[in-house]
């Protein structure tokens, strides 16, 4: 992993390194995780993170906090942390996408219907001949700072 300034930057950097190049290709993502020496999480943690869906989960924690990389068998890729705040995560993601030369636009922004503390921002992004749908899900307010960035090919 590359060193970043804080949890929001770290989750965004990990997301750009792992998910964007490998979204839609679980075998390539899992090879990336093995090359990065990320340990695979066993059950019940794997099942809890994937909510029962088939796939693999890797521990990407470092000095900035707890980070988890999710690789579902259907090709979706996500990075999760419990330390990145709502606004900072969105700003760090957008800065990282721009710095990587990835064009993006926000196509939807809404609170979760079942839990209004959850905020979802959906982006359509393009770069290097690829198109992704990116979902940034964060917890708003004074609750624990949790964030999840998800990518899938469009």
Protein backbone atom coordinates (compact mmCIF):
# COMPACT_ATOMS: atom_id res chain seq x y z
CA UNK A 1 0.00 0.00 0.00
CA UNK A 2 1.09 3.57 -0.60
CA UNK A 3 1.26 5.85 2.44
CA UNK A 4 -1.52 8.45 2.57
CA UNK A 5 -2.36 11.28 4.95
CA UNK A 6 -5.29 9.67 6.76
CA UNK A 7 -8.08 7.07 6.66
CA UNK A 8 -10.12 8.82 3.95
CA UNK A 9 -7.08 9.08 1.69
CA UNK A 10 -6.05 5.52 2.54
CA UNK A 11 -9.40 3.97 1.62
CA UNK A 12 -9.43 5.97 -1.62
CA UNK A 13 -5.87 4.97 -2.50
CA UNK A 14 -6.51 1.31 -1.76
CA UNK A 15 -9.69 1.48 -3.84
CA UNK A 16 -7.86 2.95 -6.84
CA UNK A 17 -5.01 0.42 -6.57
CA UNK A 18 -7.16 -2.68 -6.11
CA UNK A 19 -10.74 -2.25 -7.26
CA UNK A 20 -10.57 -0.02 -10.32
CA UNK A 21 -8.00 -2.04 -12.27
CA UNK A 22 -9.68 -5.34 -11.33
CA UNK A 23 -13.43 -4.66 -11.09
CA UNK A 24 -15.25 -7.36 -13.00
CA UNK A 25 -12.31 -9.76 -12.76
CA UNK A 26 -12.25 -11.50 -9.37
CA UNK A 27 -9.29 -13.71 -10.32
CA UNK A 28 -7.15 -10.66 -11.12
CA UNK A 29 -8.24 -8.89 -7.94
CA UNK A 30 -7.36 -11.93 -5.85
CA UNK A 31 -3.95 -12.15 -7.55
CA UNK A 32 -3.43 -8.48 -6.73
CA UNK A 33 -4.33 -9.16 -3.07
CA UNK A 34 -1.92 -12.12 -2.94
CA UNK A 35 0.86 -10.02 -4.51
CA UNK A 36 0.15 -7.29 -1.91
CA UNK A 37 0.39 -10.02 0.78
CA UNK A 38 -3.08 -9.31 2.14
CA UNK A 39 -4.23 -12.17 4.38
CA UNK A 40 -7.59 -13.73 3.58
CA UNK A 41 -10.20 -13.52 6.34
CA UNK A 42 -11.85 -16.80 7.32
CA UNK A 43 -15.50 -17.38 8.20
CA UNK A 44 -17.45 -16.01 10.02
CA UNK A 45 -15.81 -12.65 9.12
CA UNK A 46 -15.90 -13.42 5.39
CA UNK A 47 -19.59 -14.29 5.47
CA UNK A 48 -20.40 -11.22 7.56
CA UNK A 49 -18.68 -8.82 5.15
CA UNK A 50 -20.17 -10.47 2.05
CA UNK A 51 -23.62 -10.95 3.64
CA UNK A 52 -23.59 -14.59 2.57
CA UNK A 53 -22.62 -13.95 -1.07
CA UNK A 54 -19.78 -16.06 -2.48
CA UNK A 55 -16.38 -14.42 -2.58
CA UNK A 56 -13.20 -13.65 -0.66
CA UNK A 57 -12.32 -11.01 1.92
CA UNK A 58 -8.83 -9.70 2.64
CA UNK A 59 -7.40 -7.77 5.57
CA UNK A 60 -5.72 -4.60 4.29
CA UNK A 61 -5.29 -2.96 7.70
CA UNK A 62 -2.30 -0.75 8.31
CA UNK A 63 -1.13 2.06 10.58
CA UNK A 64 -4.06 4.24 9.51
CA UNK A 65 -6.64 1.71 10.72
CA UNK A 66 -8.72 -1.30 9.80
CA UNK A 67 -9.31 -1.75 6.07
CA UNK A 68 -10.94 -4.71 4.36
CA UNK A 69 -10.95 -5.60 0.66
CA UNK A 70 -14.02 -7.51 -0.60
CA UNK A 71 -13.92 -9.59 -3.79
CA UNK A 72 -17.29 -11.07 -4.66
CA UNK A 73 -17.45 -13.90 -7.17
CA UNK A 74 -19.67 -11.76 -9.44
CA UNK A 75 -16.80 -9.28 -9.95
CA UNK A 76 -17.78 -6.50 -7.59
CA UNK A 77 -14.94 -5.10 -5.54
CA UNK A 78 -15.22 -3.01 -2.38
CA UNK A 79 -13.01 -1.49 0.28
CA UNK A 80 -14.38 -0.93 3.79
CA UNK A 81 -13.12 0.95 6.83
CA UNK A 82 -14.48 2.03 10.19
CA UNK A 83 -12.40 5.21 10.45
CA UNK A 84 -13.14 7.43 7.42
CA UNK A 85 -15.65 10.28 7.85
CA UNK A 86 -18.40 11.05 5.33
CA UNK A 87 -17.30 14.33 3.71
CA UNK A 88 -13.58 13.56 3.93
CA UNK A 89 -14.07 10.20 2.20
CA UNK A 90 -16.01 11.72 -0.69
CA UNK A 91 -13.45 14.51 -1.11
CA UNK A 92 -10.52 12.07 -1.00
CA UNK A 93 -12.20 9.74 -3.52
CA UNK A 94 -12.90 12.57 -5.95
CA UNK A 95 -9.33 13.93 -5.59
CA UNK A 96 -7.86 10.45 -6.15
CA UNK A 97 -10.00 9.82 -9.23
CA UNK A 98 -9.02 13.19 -10.70
CA UNK A 99 -5.32 12.68 -9.94
CA UNK A 100 -5.48 9.30 -11.70
CA UNK A 101 -6.95 10.93 -14.82
CA UNK A 102 -10.31 9.22 -14.34
CA UNK A 103 -13.27 11.26 -15.47
CA UNK A 104 -16.32 10.92 -13.26
CA UNK A 105 -19.70 12.40 -12.61
CA UNK A 106 -22.07 12.07 -9.71
CA UNK A 107 -25.28 10.45 -11.02
CA UNK A 108 -27.20 9.95 -7.76
CA UNK A 109 -26.96 10.97 -4.12
CA UNK A 110 -29.39 9.79 -1.49
CA UNK A 111 -29.83 8.57 2.06
CA UNK A 112 -30.51 4.88 2.57
CA UNK A 113 -34.23 4.10 2.84
CA UNK A 114 -33.73 1.70 5.76
CA UNK A 115 -31.07 3.66 7.64
CA UNK A 116 -31.07 7.43 6.98
CA UNK A 117 -27.60 7.79 8.58
CA UNK A 118 -26.20 5.97 5.52
CA UNK A 119 -25.44 8.22 2.56
CA UNK A 120 -24.93 6.73 -0.91
CA UNK A 121 -23.26 8.57 -3.78
CA UNK A 122 -23.19 6.86 -7.16
CA UNK A 123 -20.67 7.84 -9.82
CA UNK A 124 -20.15 6.91 -13.43
CA UNK A 125 -16.42 6.93 -14.17
CA UNK A 126 -14.27 6.41 -17.26
CA UNK A 127 -10.55 6.03 -17.80
CA UNK A 128 -8.00 3.89 -19.63
CA UNK A 129 -10.71 2.60 -21.98
CA UNK A 130 -12.85 1.32 -19.08
CA UNK A 131 -16.16 2.39 -17.58
CA UNK A 132 -17.11 1.81 -13.93
CA UNK A 133 -20.05 2.38 -11.68
CA UNK A 134 -18.73 3.49 -8.30
CA UNK A 135 -20.75 3.65 -5.09
CA UNK A 136 -19.46 5.60 -2.09
CA UNK A 137 -21.44 4.66 1.02
CA UNK A 138 -20.72 6.52 4.24
CA UNK A 139 -22.20 7.01 7.69
CA UNK A 140 -23.17 10.61 8.38
CA UNK A 141 -23.18 12.46 11.68
CA UNK A 142 -21.54 11.65 14.98
CA UNK A 143 -21.82 7.87 14.59
CA UNK A 144 -18.72 5.78 13.98
CA UNK A 145 -16.99 6.93 10.80
CA UNK A 146 -17.63 4.05 8.42
CA UNK A 147 -17.14 4.07 4.68
CA UNK A 148 -17.38 1.62 1.81
CA UNK A 149 -16.26 2.24 -1.77
CA UNK A 150 -17.56 -0.24 -4.35
CA UNK A 151 -16.72 -0.63 -8.04
CA UNK A 152 -18.20 -2.68 -10.81
CA UNK A 153 -17.75 -2.53 -14.55
CA UNK A 154 -20.46 -0.68 -16.42
